[in-house]
């Protein structure tokens, strides 16, 4: 079946990320006296951040305080505000090499391009404003984890992307991402192409453990892969 829609992850896949999300998550937890490593944070990349925070609390918190929804929300609010500030103002924010060119090549072939993310909408909006993809008509839509019942590794964001772009069959969708949960999301949705990017949060060796159709080190490889299914 021909590919009609390509769904890309944001941080680590199409957006430069020098462990920035990891560090902000680490700092948000540290404000509540919970110490996690960068490796701990890496393990939960890609999934909705409230879920990630709960997993990290259960893994690393050693005190007697109950891990409640209110506490998770408090930490998440800190994380969201710090990520908003980072994406609005930090000079290092930008797309990964080849992203706009990749989007442009796909759009020239009349394909739909959507980004999805484990971030909530309040973080995603300033990031997309900064990148300018929407203004340049390089993406058709974006989907955030707080806009669907379940984030990754569940397929809900891909199904929402299909609704927004009028694509009816998940076999006409390619999913691209840099984490295990990205690949799991694509497989759960039934995408024909599930493409791992090896230059993000997860290494090639880590992504090899997940079911996939392709692994790439550059987004510029993707249009040729898609062309074989066009």
N, C-alpha and C. Protein backbone atom coordinates (compact mmCIF):
# COMPACT_ATOMS: atom_id res chain seq x y z
N UNK A 1 0.84 -1.20 0.00
CA UNK A 1 0.00 0.00 0.00
C UNK A 1 0.87 1.24 0.00
N UNK A 2 0.48 2.23 -0.80
CA UNK A 2 1.24 3.48 -0.89
C UNK A 2 1.16 4.26 0.41
N UNK A 3 2.26 4.87 0.78
CA UNK A 3 2.29 5.72 1.97
C UNK A 3 1.64 7.07 1.65
N UNK A 4 0.74 7.50 2.53
CA UNK A 4 0.06 8.78 2.38
C UNK A 4 0.44 9.78 3.47
N UNK A 5 0.89 9.27 4.61
CA UNK A 5 1.13 10.11 5.79
C UNK A 5 2.41 9.65 6.48
N UNK A 6 3.24 10.61 6.85
CA UNK A 6 4.44 10.32 7.64
C UNK A 6 4.34 11.08 8.96
N UNK A 7 4.44 10.35 10.06
CA UNK A 7 4.33 10.94 11.40
C UNK A 7 5.71 10.93 12.06
N UNK A 8 6.22 12.11 12.35
CA UNK A 8 7.56 12.27 12.93
C UNK A 8 7.46 12.67 14.40
N UNK A 9 8.33 12.12 15.22
CA UNK A 9 8.53 12.59 16.58
C UNK A 9 9.24 13.95 16.54
N UNK A 10 9.22 14.66 17.67
CA UNK A 10 9.90 15.95 17.76
C UNK A 10 11.31 15.80 18.37
N UNK A 11 11.44 16.01 19.69
CA UNK A 11 12.77 16.07 20.32
C UNK A 11 13.57 14.80 20.08
N UNK A 12 14.76 14.97 19.53
CA UNK A 12 15.65 13.84 19.27
C UNK A 12 15.52 13.28 17.88
N UNK A 13 14.38 13.54 17.23
CA UNK A 13 14.14 13.03 15.88
C UNK A 13 14.24 14.16 14.86
N UNK A 14 13.39 15.16 15.02
CA UNK A 14 13.40 16.31 14.10
C UNK A 14 13.93 17.58 14.78
N UNK A 15 14.00 17.58 16.10
CA UNK A 15 14.46 18.74 16.87
C UNK A 15 15.75 18.38 17.58
N UNK A 16 16.74 19.26 17.49
CA UNK A 16 18.01 19.02 18.18
C UNK A 16 17.76 18.86 19.67
N UNK A 17 18.41 17.88 20.26
CA UNK A 17 18.24 17.66 21.70
C UNK A 17 19.55 17.12 22.26
N UNK A 18 20.28 17.97 22.93
CA UNK A 18 21.54 17.58 23.57
C UNK A 18 21.27 17.19 25.02
N UNK A 19 20.37 16.21 25.16
CA UNK A 19 19.92 15.78 26.50
C UNK A 19 19.24 16.93 27.25
N UNK A 20 18.69 17.89 26.51
CA UNK A 20 18.05 19.04 27.14
C UNK A 20 16.79 18.63 27.90
N UNK A 21 15.97 17.82 27.28
CA UNK A 21 14.74 17.35 27.94
C UNK A 21 15.10 16.52 29.17
N UNK A 22 16.14 15.70 29.02
CA UNK A 22 16.60 14.88 30.14
C UNK A 22 16.96 15.76 31.34
N UNK A 23 17.72 16.82 31.07
CA UNK A 23 18.20 17.68 32.16
C UNK A 23 17.05 18.44 32.83
N UNK A 24 16.10 18.90 32.03
CA UNK A 24 14.96 19.61 32.63
C UNK A 24 14.14 18.66 33.49
N UNK A 25 13.95 17.44 33.02
CA UNK A 25 13.23 16.45 33.82
C UNK A 25 14.00 16.15 35.11
N UNK A 26 15.28 16.02 35.00
CA UNK A 26 16.14 15.79 36.16
C UNK A 26 16.01 16.94 37.17
N UNK A 27 16.03 18.17 36.67
CA UNK A 27 15.94 19.35 37.54
C UNK A 27 14.57 19.46 38.21
N UNK A 28 13.52 19.14 37.46
CA UNK A 28 12.17 19.22 38.04
C UNK A 28 12.01 18.25 39.20
N UNK A 29 12.56 17.06 39.06
CA UNK A 29 12.49 16.08 40.14
C UNK A 29 13.40 16.47 41.31
N UNK A 30 14.54 17.06 40.98
CA UNK A 30 15.48 17.46 42.02
C UNK A 30 14.87 18.52 42.93
N UNK A 31 14.01 19.36 42.39
CA UNK A 31 13.34 20.37 43.22
C UNK A 31 12.44 19.73 44.26
N UNK A 32 12.10 18.48 44.05
CA UNK A 32 11.31 17.73 45.04
C UNK A 32 12.16 16.66 45.71
N UNK A 33 13.47 16.89 45.72
CA UNK A 33 14.43 16.04 46.43
C UNK A 33 14.45 14.60 45.92
N UNK A 34 14.20 14.44 44.63
CA UNK A 34 14.31 13.13 44.00
C UNK A 34 15.44 13.20 42.99
N UNK A 35 16.45 12.36 43.17
CA UNK A 35 17.64 12.40 42.33
C UNK A 35 17.56 11.28 41.29
N UNK A 36 17.63 11.67 40.02
CA UNK A 36 17.68 10.69 38.94
C UNK A 36 18.90 10.98 38.07
N UNK A 37 19.36 9.97 37.37
CA UNK A 37 20.48 10.15 36.45
C UNK A 37 19.94 10.49 35.05
N UNK A 38 20.85 10.95 34.20
CA UNK A 38 20.48 11.20 32.80
C UNK A 38 20.03 9.89 32.15
N UNK A 39 20.66 8.79 32.53
CA UNK A 39 20.27 7.48 31.99
C UNK A 39 18.85 7.12 32.42
N UNK A 40 18.49 7.44 33.67
CA UNK A 40 17.12 7.21 34.13
C UNK A 40 16.14 7.98 33.25
N UNK A 41 16.46 9.24 33.00
CA UNK A 41 15.59 10.08 32.18
C UNK A 41 15.50 9.53 30.76
N UNK A 42 16.62 9.04 30.24
CA UNK A 42 16.62 8.52 28.87
C UNK A 42 15.67 7.33 28.73
N UNK A 43 15.59 6.53 29.78
CA UNK A 43 14.73 5.34 29.73
C UNK A 43 13.26 5.68 29.51
N UNK A 44 12.84 6.90 29.87
CA UNK A 44 11.42 7.26 29.76
C UNK A 44 11.18 8.30 28.66
N UNK A 45 12.17 8.52 27.81
CA UNK A 45 11.96 9.45 26.70
C UNK A 45 10.90 8.91 25.74
N UNK A 46 10.07 9.82 25.24
CA UNK A 46 9.06 9.45 24.25
C UNK A 46 7.68 9.25 24.81
N UNK A 47 7.58 8.91 26.09
CA UNK A 47 6.26 8.66 26.67
C UNK A 47 5.71 9.94 27.29
N UNK A 48 4.41 10.01 27.56
CA UNK A 48 3.85 11.22 28.19
C UNK A 48 4.59 11.55 29.47
N UNK A 49 4.89 12.81 29.65
CA UNK A 49 5.76 13.18 30.77
C UNK A 49 5.16 12.92 32.15
N UNK A 50 3.85 13.06 32.38
CA UNK A 50 3.33 12.66 33.69
C UNK A 50 3.56 11.17 33.98
N UNK A 51 3.44 10.34 32.95
CA UNK A 51 3.70 8.90 33.11
C UNK A 51 5.18 8.69 33.41
N UNK A 52 6.04 9.42 32.70
CA UNK A 52 7.48 9.31 32.93
C UNK A 52 7.84 9.71 34.36
N UNK A 53 7.24 10.79 34.84
CA UNK A 53 7.53 11.26 36.20
C UNK A 53 7.09 10.23 37.24
N UNK A 54 5.93 9.66 37.04
CA UNK A 54 5.48 8.62 37.99
C UNK A 54 6.44 7.43 37.99
N UNK A 55 6.87 6.99 36.81
CA UNK A 55 7.80 5.86 36.74
C UNK A 55 9.11 6.18 37.44
N UNK A 56 9.59 7.41 37.27
CA UNK A 56 10.85 7.80 37.89
C UNK A 56 10.72 7.93 39.41
N UNK A 57 9.59 8.43 39.86
CA UNK A 57 9.35 8.49 41.31
C UNK A 57 9.36 7.09 41.92
N UNK A 58 8.68 6.18 41.26
CA UNK A 58 8.61 4.81 41.79
C UNK A 58 9.97 4.12 41.74
N UNK A 59 10.80 4.54 40.80
CA UNK A 59 12.12 3.93 40.66
C UNK A 59 13.13 4.52 41.63
N UNK A 60 13.08 5.85 41.87
CA UNK A 60 14.17 6.51 42.59
C UNK A 60 13.80 7.16 43.92
N UNK A 61 12.51 7.40 44.18
CA UNK A 61 12.15 8.05 45.44
C UNK A 61 12.30 7.07 46.60
N UNK A 62 13.01 7.49 47.65
CA UNK A 62 13.30 6.59 48.77
C UNK A 62 12.65 7.05 50.07
N UNK A 63 11.85 8.11 50.01
CA UNK A 63 11.24 8.64 51.23
C UNK A 63 9.92 7.95 51.56
N UNK A 64 9.18 8.55 52.44
CA UNK A 64 7.93 7.96 52.94
C UNK A 64 6.69 8.65 52.38
N UNK A 65 6.87 9.71 51.63
CA UNK A 65 5.75 10.44 51.05
C UNK A 65 5.04 9.57 50.01
N UNK A 66 3.71 9.62 50.00
CA UNK A 66 2.94 8.85 49.02
C UNK A 66 3.08 9.47 47.64
N UNK A 67 3.23 8.62 46.64
CA UNK A 67 3.32 9.09 45.26
C UNK A 67 1.89 9.26 44.74
N UNK A 68 1.42 10.50 44.80
CA UNK A 68 0.03 10.79 44.44
C UNK A 68 -0.04 11.52 43.11
N UNK A 69 -1.24 11.59 42.57
CA UNK A 69 -1.46 12.32 41.32
C UNK A 69 -1.13 13.80 41.51
N UNK A 70 -1.46 14.34 42.67
CA UNK A 70 -1.17 15.76 42.93
C UNK A 70 0.33 16.04 42.93
N UNK A 71 1.10 15.12 43.51
CA UNK A 71 2.56 15.30 43.54
C UNK A 71 3.14 15.21 42.13
N UNK A 72 2.68 14.23 41.38
CA UNK A 72 3.12 14.10 39.98
C UNK A 72 2.80 15.37 39.20
N UNK A 73 1.59 15.90 39.43
CA UNK A 73 1.18 17.14 38.73
C UNK A 73 2.07 18.32 39.11
N UNK A 74 2.46 18.41 40.38
CA UNK A 74 3.35 19.49 40.83
C UNK A 74 4.68 19.45 40.09
N UNK A 75 5.26 18.27 40.01
CA UNK A 75 6.54 18.12 39.31
C UNK A 75 6.37 18.39 37.82
N UNK A 76 5.26 17.92 37.27
CA UNK A 76 5.01 18.12 35.84
C UNK A 76 4.86 19.60 35.52
N UNK A 77 4.22 20.36 36.39
CA UNK A 77 4.07 21.80 36.16
C UNK A 77 5.43 22.49 36.09
N UNK A 78 6.35 22.08 36.97
CA UNK A 78 7.71 22.63 36.93
C UNK A 78 8.37 22.28 35.60
N UNK A 79 8.27 21.02 35.22
CA UNK A 79 8.87 20.57 33.96
C UNK A 79 8.31 21.35 32.78
N UNK A 80 7.00 21.51 32.72
CA UNK A 80 6.37 22.21 31.59
C UNK A 80 6.86 23.65 31.50
N UNK A 81 6.88 24.35 32.62
CA UNK A 81 7.29 25.76 32.58
C UNK A 81 8.75 25.90 32.16
N UNK A 82 9.60 25.00 32.66
CA UNK A 82 11.01 25.08 32.30
C UNK A 82 11.22 24.74 30.82
N UNK A 83 10.46 23.79 30.29
CA UNK A 83 10.58 23.45 28.87
C UNK A 83 10.05 24.58 27.99
N UNK A 84 8.96 25.22 28.41
CA UNK A 84 8.45 26.38 27.65
C UNK A 84 9.52 27.46 27.57
N UNK A 85 10.12 27.78 28.71
CA UNK A 85 11.16 28.81 28.73
C UNK A 85 12.34 28.41 27.85
N UNK A 86 12.72 27.14 27.91
CA UNK A 86 13.85 26.67 27.11
C UNK A 86 13.55 26.83 25.62
N UNK A 87 12.38 26.35 25.19
CA UNK A 87 12.06 26.39 23.76
C UNK A 87 11.79 27.82 23.26
N UNK A 88 11.37 28.70 24.14
CA UNK A 88 11.16 30.09 23.73
C UNK A 88 12.46 30.86 23.59
N UNK A 89 13.41 30.61 24.50
CA UNK A 89 14.52 31.55 24.63
C UNK A 89 15.92 30.98 24.41
N UNK A 90 16.10 29.68 24.53
CA UNK A 90 17.47 29.16 24.46
C UNK A 90 18.00 29.21 23.03
N UNK A 91 19.24 29.67 22.89
CA UNK A 91 19.82 29.86 21.55
C UNK A 91 20.13 28.55 20.85
N UNK A 92 20.17 27.45 21.59
CA UNK A 92 20.52 26.16 20.98
C UNK A 92 19.33 25.49 20.29
N UNK A 93 18.12 26.01 20.48
CA UNK A 93 16.93 25.36 19.93
C UNK A 93 16.93 25.47 18.41
N UNK A 94 16.68 24.34 17.75
CA UNK A 94 16.61 24.33 16.30
C UNK A 94 16.30 22.93 15.80
N UNK A 95 16.09 22.83 14.51
CA UNK A 95 15.80 21.53 13.92
C UNK A 95 17.09 20.75 13.69
N UNK A 96 16.95 19.42 13.63
CA UNK A 96 18.09 18.58 13.27
C UNK A 96 18.38 18.73 11.78
N UNK A 97 19.62 18.50 11.44
CA UNK A 97 20.05 18.67 10.04
C UNK A 97 19.15 17.88 9.10
N UNK A 98 18.71 18.56 8.05
CA UNK A 98 17.94 17.90 7.01
C UNK A 98 16.46 17.81 7.24
N UNK A 99 15.97 18.32 8.38
CA UNK A 99 14.55 18.16 8.69
C UNK A 99 13.66 18.90 7.69
N UNK A 100 13.89 20.20 7.52
CA UNK A 100 13.04 20.97 6.60
C UNK A 100 13.13 20.43 5.18
N UNK A 101 14.33 20.04 4.76
CA UNK A 101 14.49 19.48 3.41
C UNK A 101 13.71 18.18 3.27
N UNK A 102 13.74 17.36 4.31
CA UNK A 102 12.99 16.10 4.29
C UNK A 102 11.49 16.37 4.20
N UNK A 103 10.99 17.26 5.05
CA UNK A 103 9.57 17.61 5.00
C UNK A 103 9.20 18.14 3.61
N UNK A 104 10.05 18.99 3.07
CA UNK A 104 9.75 19.61 1.77
C UNK A 104 9.66 18.55 0.66
N UNK A 105 10.59 17.60 0.68
CA UNK A 105 10.57 16.54 -0.33
C UNK A 105 9.31 15.70 -0.22
N UNK A 106 8.89 15.41 0.99
CA UNK A 106 7.67 14.62 1.19
C UNK A 106 6.44 15.40 0.74
N UNK A 107 6.40 16.69 1.07
CA UNK A 107 5.26 17.51 0.66
C UNK A 107 5.19 17.65 -0.86
N UNK A 108 6.36 17.73 -1.51
CA UNK A 108 6.38 17.81 -2.97
C UNK A 108 5.78 16.57 -3.62
N UNK A 109 5.83 15.46 -2.89
CA UNK A 109 5.22 14.22 -3.38
C UNK A 109 3.77 14.07 -2.92
N UNK A 110 3.21 15.16 -2.42
CA UNK A 110 1.80 15.23 -2.01
C UNK A 110 1.51 14.34 -0.80
N UNK A 111 2.53 14.09 0.01
CA UNK A 111 2.33 13.32 1.23
C UNK A 111 1.94 14.26 2.37
N UNK A 112 1.20 13.74 3.33
CA UNK A 112 0.88 14.47 4.54
C UNK A 112 2.02 14.27 5.55
N UNK A 113 2.35 15.34 6.26
CA UNK A 113 3.41 15.30 7.28
C UNK A 113 2.83 15.81 8.59
N UNK A 114 2.95 15.00 9.64
CA UNK A 114 2.46 15.36 10.97
C UNK A 114 3.57 15.09 11.98
N UNK A 115 3.67 15.94 13.00
CA UNK A 115 4.57 15.65 14.11
C UNK A 115 3.74 15.25 15.33
N UNK A 116 4.26 14.27 16.08
CA UNK A 116 3.62 13.91 17.34
C UNK A 116 4.68 13.85 18.44
N UNK A 117 4.25 13.93 19.68
CA UNK A 117 5.21 14.13 20.76
C UNK A 117 4.67 13.68 22.12
N UNK A 118 5.61 13.32 22.99
CA UNK A 118 5.26 13.03 24.38
C UNK A 118 5.04 14.28 25.20
N UNK A 119 5.30 15.47 24.62
CA UNK A 119 5.03 16.73 25.30
C UNK A 119 3.55 17.04 25.29
N UNK A 120 3.14 17.92 26.21
CA UNK A 120 1.80 18.50 26.19
C UNK A 120 1.79 19.67 25.20
N UNK A 121 0.57 20.14 24.88
CA UNK A 121 0.44 21.25 23.93
C UNK A 121 1.13 22.53 24.41
N UNK A 122 1.08 22.89 25.72
CA UNK A 122 1.74 24.14 26.13
C UNK A 122 3.24 24.18 25.84
N UNK A 123 3.91 23.03 25.82
CA UNK A 123 5.33 23.00 25.46
C UNK A 123 5.49 23.03 23.95
N UNK A 124 4.62 22.30 23.26
CA UNK A 124 4.77 22.11 21.82
C UNK A 124 4.52 23.39 21.03
N UNK A 125 3.57 24.20 21.47
CA UNK A 125 3.24 25.42 20.72
C UNK A 125 4.43 26.37 20.58
N UNK A 126 5.13 26.73 21.66
CA UNK A 126 6.28 27.63 21.48
C UNK A 126 7.41 26.98 20.68
N UNK A 127 7.56 25.67 20.80
CA UNK A 127 8.60 25.00 20.02
C UNK A 127 8.29 25.09 18.53
N UNK A 128 7.05 24.78 18.13
CA UNK A 128 6.70 24.84 16.72
C UNK A 128 6.72 26.28 16.21
N UNK A 129 6.34 27.24 17.05
CA UNK A 129 6.44 28.65 16.66
C UNK A 129 7.89 29.01 16.35
N UNK A 130 8.78 28.53 17.17
CA UNK A 130 10.21 28.83 17.02
C UNK A 130 10.77 28.21 15.73
N UNK A 131 10.33 27.01 15.41
CA UNK A 131 10.87 26.28 14.26
C UNK A 131 10.30 26.78 12.93
N UNK A 132 9.07 27.29 12.96
CA UNK A 132 8.49 27.89 11.76
C UNK A 132 7.99 26.92 10.71
N UNK A 133 7.85 25.66 11.04
CA UNK A 133 7.40 24.67 10.05
C UNK A 133 5.98 24.92 9.58
N UNK A 134 5.12 25.32 10.51
CA UNK A 134 3.72 25.55 10.13
C UNK A 134 3.60 26.74 9.18
N UNK A 135 4.29 27.82 9.50
CA UNK A 135 4.23 29.02 8.66
C UNK A 135 4.76 28.72 7.25
N UNK A 136 5.73 27.82 7.17
CA UNK A 136 6.32 27.46 5.88
C UNK A 136 5.54 26.34 5.18
N UNK A 137 4.43 25.91 5.79
CA UNK A 137 3.59 24.84 5.23
C UNK A 137 4.36 23.53 5.03
N UNK A 138 5.28 23.25 5.96
CA UNK A 138 6.04 22.01 5.89
C UNK A 138 5.40 20.88 6.66
N UNK A 139 4.48 21.20 7.57
CA UNK A 139 3.72 20.16 8.28
C UNK A 139 2.24 20.47 8.16
N UNK A 140 1.45 19.39 8.19
CA UNK A 140 -0.01 19.53 8.07
C UNK A 140 -0.70 19.64 9.42
N UNK A 141 -0.09 19.07 10.45
CA UNK A 141 -0.72 19.08 11.77
C UNK A 141 0.30 18.63 12.81
N UNK A 142 -0.07 18.78 14.07
CA UNK A 142 0.72 18.25 15.18
C UNK A 142 -0.22 17.65 16.20
N UNK A 143 0.26 16.63 16.90
CA UNK A 143 -0.54 15.94 17.92
C UNK A 143 0.31 15.81 19.17
N UNK A 144 -0.26 16.17 20.32
CA UNK A 144 0.45 16.08 21.59
C UNK A 144 -0.20 15.03 22.48
N UNK A 145 0.55 14.57 23.47
CA UNK A 145 0.08 13.43 24.26
C UNK A 145 -1.10 13.77 25.15
N UNK A 146 -1.31 15.07 25.44
CA UNK A 146 -2.46 15.45 26.27
C UNK A 146 -3.74 15.62 25.45
N UNK A 147 -3.65 15.41 24.14
CA UNK A 147 -4.82 15.57 23.27
C UNK A 147 -5.46 14.24 22.91
N UNK A 148 -4.93 13.15 23.44
CA UNK A 148 -5.46 11.81 23.16
C UNK A 148 -5.62 11.06 24.48
N UNK A 149 -6.45 10.01 24.49
CA UNK A 149 -6.63 9.26 25.75
C UNK A 149 -5.34 8.65 26.28
N UNK A 150 -4.50 8.15 25.37
CA UNK A 150 -3.26 7.48 25.80
C UNK A 150 -2.12 7.90 24.88
N UNK A 151 -0.99 8.25 25.49
CA UNK A 151 0.19 8.56 24.70
C UNK A 151 0.95 7.29 24.34
N UNK A 152 2.17 7.47 23.84
CA UNK A 152 2.99 6.31 23.51
C UNK A 152 3.23 5.43 24.74
N UNK A 153 3.36 4.14 24.54
CA UNK A 153 3.52 3.39 23.29
C UNK A 153 2.20 3.04 22.59
N UNK A 154 1.11 3.58 23.07
CA UNK A 154 -0.19 3.29 22.45
C UNK A 154 -0.32 4.05 21.13
N UNK A 155 -1.22 3.63 20.26
CA UNK A 155 -1.30 4.20 18.91
C UNK A 155 -2.18 5.43 18.77
N UNK A 156 -2.70 5.96 19.87
CA UNK A 156 -3.73 6.99 19.79
C UNK A 156 -3.30 8.24 19.03
N UNK A 157 -2.05 8.67 19.20
CA UNK A 157 -1.61 9.88 18.51
C UNK A 157 -1.54 9.67 17.00
N UNK A 158 -1.16 8.49 16.58
CA UNK A 158 -1.14 8.21 15.14
C UNK A 158 -2.56 8.19 14.59
N UNK A 159 -3.48 7.59 15.33
CA UNK A 159 -4.88 7.58 14.87
C UNK A 159 -5.43 9.00 14.79
N UNK A 160 -5.04 9.86 15.73
CA UNK A 160 -5.47 11.25 15.68
C UNK A 160 -4.86 11.96 14.47
N UNK A 161 -3.59 11.70 14.18
CA UNK A 161 -2.96 12.27 13.00
C UNK A 161 -3.68 11.85 11.72
N UNK A 162 -4.13 10.60 11.70
CA UNK A 162 -4.88 10.12 10.54
C UNK A 162 -6.21 10.86 10.41
N UNK A 163 -6.88 11.08 11.52
CA UNK A 163 -8.15 11.83 11.49
C UNK A 163 -7.93 13.24 10.95
N UNK A 164 -6.87 13.88 11.41
CA UNK A 164 -6.61 15.27 11.02
C UNK A 164 -6.26 15.41 9.54
N UNK A 165 -5.73 14.34 8.96
CA UNK A 165 -5.27 14.41 7.57
C UNK A 165 -6.13 13.60 6.60
N UNK A 166 -7.17 12.94 7.11
CA UNK A 166 -8.07 12.20 6.25
C UNK A 166 -7.53 10.88 5.73
N UNK A 167 -6.56 10.33 6.43
CA UNK A 167 -6.00 9.03 6.05
C UNK A 167 -6.74 7.95 6.81
N UNK A 168 -7.25 6.96 6.11
CA UNK A 168 -8.16 5.99 6.72
C UNK A 168 -7.51 4.67 7.11
N UNK A 169 -6.40 4.33 6.49
CA UNK A 169 -5.79 3.02 6.71
C UNK A 169 -4.40 3.21 7.27
N UNK A 170 -4.13 2.62 8.44
CA UNK A 170 -2.82 2.78 9.09
C UNK A 170 -1.70 2.17 8.26
N UNK A 171 -2.03 1.29 7.33
CA UNK A 171 -1.00 0.73 6.46
C UNK A 171 -0.45 1.78 5.50
N UNK A 172 -1.15 2.90 5.38
CA UNK A 172 -0.68 4.01 4.53
C UNK A 172 0.13 5.03 5.33
N UNK A 173 0.54 4.65 6.54
CA UNK A 173 1.26 5.57 7.45
C UNK A 173 2.67 5.06 7.70
N UNK A 174 3.62 5.98 7.72
CA UNK A 174 4.99 5.70 8.18
C UNK A 174 5.21 6.45 9.48
N UNK A 175 5.78 5.79 10.46
CA UNK A 175 6.10 6.41 11.73
C UNK A 175 7.61 6.51 11.88
N UNK A 176 8.10 7.69 12.29
CA UNK A 176 9.53 7.94 12.42
C UNK A 176 9.82 8.47 13.82
N UNK A 177 10.77 7.85 14.53
CA UNK A 177 11.10 8.34 15.87
C UNK A 177 12.42 7.77 16.37
N UNK A 178 12.89 8.32 17.50
CA UNK A 178 14.22 7.97 18.01
C UNK A 178 14.19 7.16 19.29
N UNK A 179 13.00 6.75 19.76
CA UNK A 179 12.91 5.99 21.01
C UNK A 179 12.17 4.68 20.80
N UNK A 180 12.32 3.79 21.78
CA UNK A 180 11.59 2.53 21.73
C UNK A 180 10.09 2.76 21.67
N UNK A 181 9.61 3.76 22.43
CA UNK A 181 8.16 4.00 22.46
C UNK A 181 7.65 4.52 21.12
N UNK A 182 8.48 5.21 20.35
CA UNK A 182 8.09 5.62 19.00
C UNK A 182 7.84 4.40 18.13
N UNK A 183 8.77 3.46 18.16
CA UNK A 183 8.63 2.26 17.33
C UNK A 183 7.45 1.42 17.82
N UNK A 184 7.29 1.32 19.11
CA UNK A 184 6.15 0.57 19.66
C UNK A 184 4.83 1.20 19.25
N UNK A 185 4.78 2.52 19.23
CA UNK A 185 3.59 3.25 18.80
C UNK A 185 3.25 2.93 17.35
N UNK A 186 4.26 2.97 16.48
CA UNK A 186 4.03 2.67 15.08
C UNK A 186 3.56 1.25 14.86
N UNK A 187 4.15 0.31 15.57
CA UNK A 187 3.72 -1.08 15.45
C UNK A 187 2.32 -1.30 16.00
N UNK A 188 2.01 -0.63 17.11
CA UNK A 188 0.68 -0.77 17.70
C UNK A 188 -0.40 -0.24 16.77
N UNK A 189 -0.06 0.80 15.99
CA UNK A 189 -1.03 1.38 15.07
C UNK A 189 -1.20 0.55 13.80
N UNK A 190 -0.22 -0.31 13.50
CA UNK A 190 -0.27 -1.08 12.27
C UNK A 190 0.34 -0.38 11.08
N UNK A 191 1.29 0.53 11.33
CA UNK A 191 1.93 1.26 10.24
C UNK A 191 2.76 0.32 9.37
N UNK A 192 2.76 0.56 8.07
CA UNK A 192 3.56 -0.25 7.15
C UNK A 192 5.05 -0.01 7.34
N UNK A 193 5.41 1.24 7.63
CA UNK A 193 6.81 1.59 7.85
C UNK A 193 6.98 2.11 9.27
N UNK A 194 7.94 1.54 9.97
CA UNK A 194 8.29 1.97 11.33
C UNK A 194 9.80 2.20 11.32
N UNK A 195 10.19 3.48 11.32
CA UNK A 195 11.56 3.87 11.05
C UNK A 195 12.20 4.47 12.30
N UNK A 196 13.28 3.87 12.75
CA UNK A 196 14.01 4.38 13.90
C UNK A 196 15.14 5.29 13.48
N UNK A 197 15.31 6.39 14.20
CA UNK A 197 16.39 7.34 13.96
C UNK A 197 17.45 7.13 15.03
N UNK A 198 18.66 6.80 14.60
CA UNK A 198 19.69 6.35 15.54
C UNK A 198 20.54 7.47 16.13
N UNK A 199 20.20 8.72 15.82
CA UNK A 199 20.99 9.85 16.30
C UNK A 199 20.26 10.65 17.37
N UNK A 200 19.31 10.01 18.06
CA UNK A 200 18.55 10.68 19.11
C UNK A 200 18.81 10.06 20.47
N UNK A 201 17.74 9.87 21.23
CA UNK A 201 17.86 9.40 22.61
C UNK A 201 18.35 7.96 22.71
N UNK A 202 17.92 7.11 21.77
CA UNK A 202 18.27 5.70 21.82
C UNK A 202 19.31 5.37 20.75
N UNK A 203 20.24 4.53 21.11
CA UNK A 203 21.29 4.12 20.18
C UNK A 203 20.74 3.10 19.17
N UNK A 204 21.52 2.87 18.13
CA UNK A 204 21.16 1.86 17.15
C UNK A 204 20.96 0.50 17.83
N UNK A 205 21.85 0.17 18.76
CA UNK A 205 21.76 -1.12 19.45
C UNK A 205 20.47 -1.23 20.25
N UNK A 206 20.06 -0.14 20.87
CA UNK A 206 18.80 -0.15 21.63
C UNK A 206 17.60 -0.27 20.71
N UNK A 207 17.61 0.44 19.59
CA UNK A 207 16.48 0.41 18.66
C UNK A 207 16.38 -0.94 17.95
N UNK A 208 17.51 -1.62 17.77
CA UNK A 208 17.49 -2.94 17.13
C UNK A 208 16.65 -3.94 17.92
N UNK A 209 16.47 -3.69 19.21
CA UNK A 209 15.70 -4.60 20.05
C UNK A 209 14.20 -4.49 19.81
N UNK A 210 13.78 -3.40 19.14
CA UNK A 210 12.37 -3.17 18.87
C UNK A 210 12.03 -3.54 17.42
N UNK A 211 10.81 -3.98 17.21
CA UNK A 211 10.36 -4.29 15.85
C UNK A 211 10.37 -3.01 15.01
N UNK A 212 10.95 -3.09 13.82
CA UNK A 212 11.05 -1.92 12.95
C UNK A 212 11.19 -2.40 11.52
N UNK A 213 11.00 -1.47 10.57
CA UNK A 213 11.26 -1.79 9.18
C UNK A 213 12.59 -1.24 8.71
N UNK A 214 13.01 -0.09 9.27
CA UNK A 214 14.25 0.56 8.88
C UNK A 214 14.86 1.28 10.08
N UNK A 215 16.18 1.40 10.07
CA UNK A 215 16.90 2.28 10.98
C UNK A 215 17.76 3.22 10.13
N UNK A 216 17.71 4.51 10.44
CA UNK A 216 18.47 5.50 9.66
C UNK A 216 19.24 6.41 10.61
N UNK A 217 20.35 6.95 10.12
CA UNK A 217 21.10 7.94 10.90
C UNK A 217 20.79 9.35 10.45
N UNK A 218 20.15 9.49 9.28
CA UNK A 218 19.82 10.81 8.74
C UNK A 218 18.38 10.83 8.25
N UNK A 219 17.67 11.91 8.56
CA UNK A 219 16.30 12.05 8.06
C UNK A 219 16.27 12.11 6.54
N UNK A 220 17.35 12.53 5.93
CA UNK A 220 17.38 12.65 4.47
C UNK A 220 17.29 11.30 3.76
N UNK A 221 17.46 10.21 4.52
CA UNK A 221 17.28 8.87 3.94
C UNK A 221 15.80 8.51 3.79
N UNK A 222 14.95 9.23 4.49
CA UNK A 222 13.55 8.82 4.57
C UNK A 222 12.77 9.01 3.26
N UNK A 223 12.93 10.12 2.54
CA UNK A 223 12.18 10.24 1.28
C UNK A 223 12.40 9.08 0.31
N UNK A 224 13.63 8.56 0.25
CA UNK A 224 13.91 7.43 -0.65
C UNK A 224 13.20 6.16 -0.16
N UNK A 225 13.19 5.97 1.16
CA UNK A 225 12.47 4.82 1.73
C UNK A 225 10.98 4.93 1.41
N UNK A 226 10.44 6.12 1.60
CA UNK A 226 9.01 6.34 1.32
C UNK A 226 8.72 6.14 -0.17
N UNK A 227 9.65 6.57 -1.02
CA UNK A 227 9.43 6.48 -2.47
C UNK A 227 9.25 5.02 -2.90
N UNK A 228 9.85 4.11 -2.19
CA UNK A 228 9.70 2.70 -2.52
C UNK A 228 8.31 2.16 -2.17
N UNK A 229 7.54 2.96 -1.43
CA UNK A 229 6.18 2.55 -1.01
C UNK A 229 5.16 3.57 -1.50
N UNK A 230 5.49 4.28 -2.57
CA UNK A 230 4.63 5.37 -3.04
C UNK A 230 3.71 4.87 -4.14
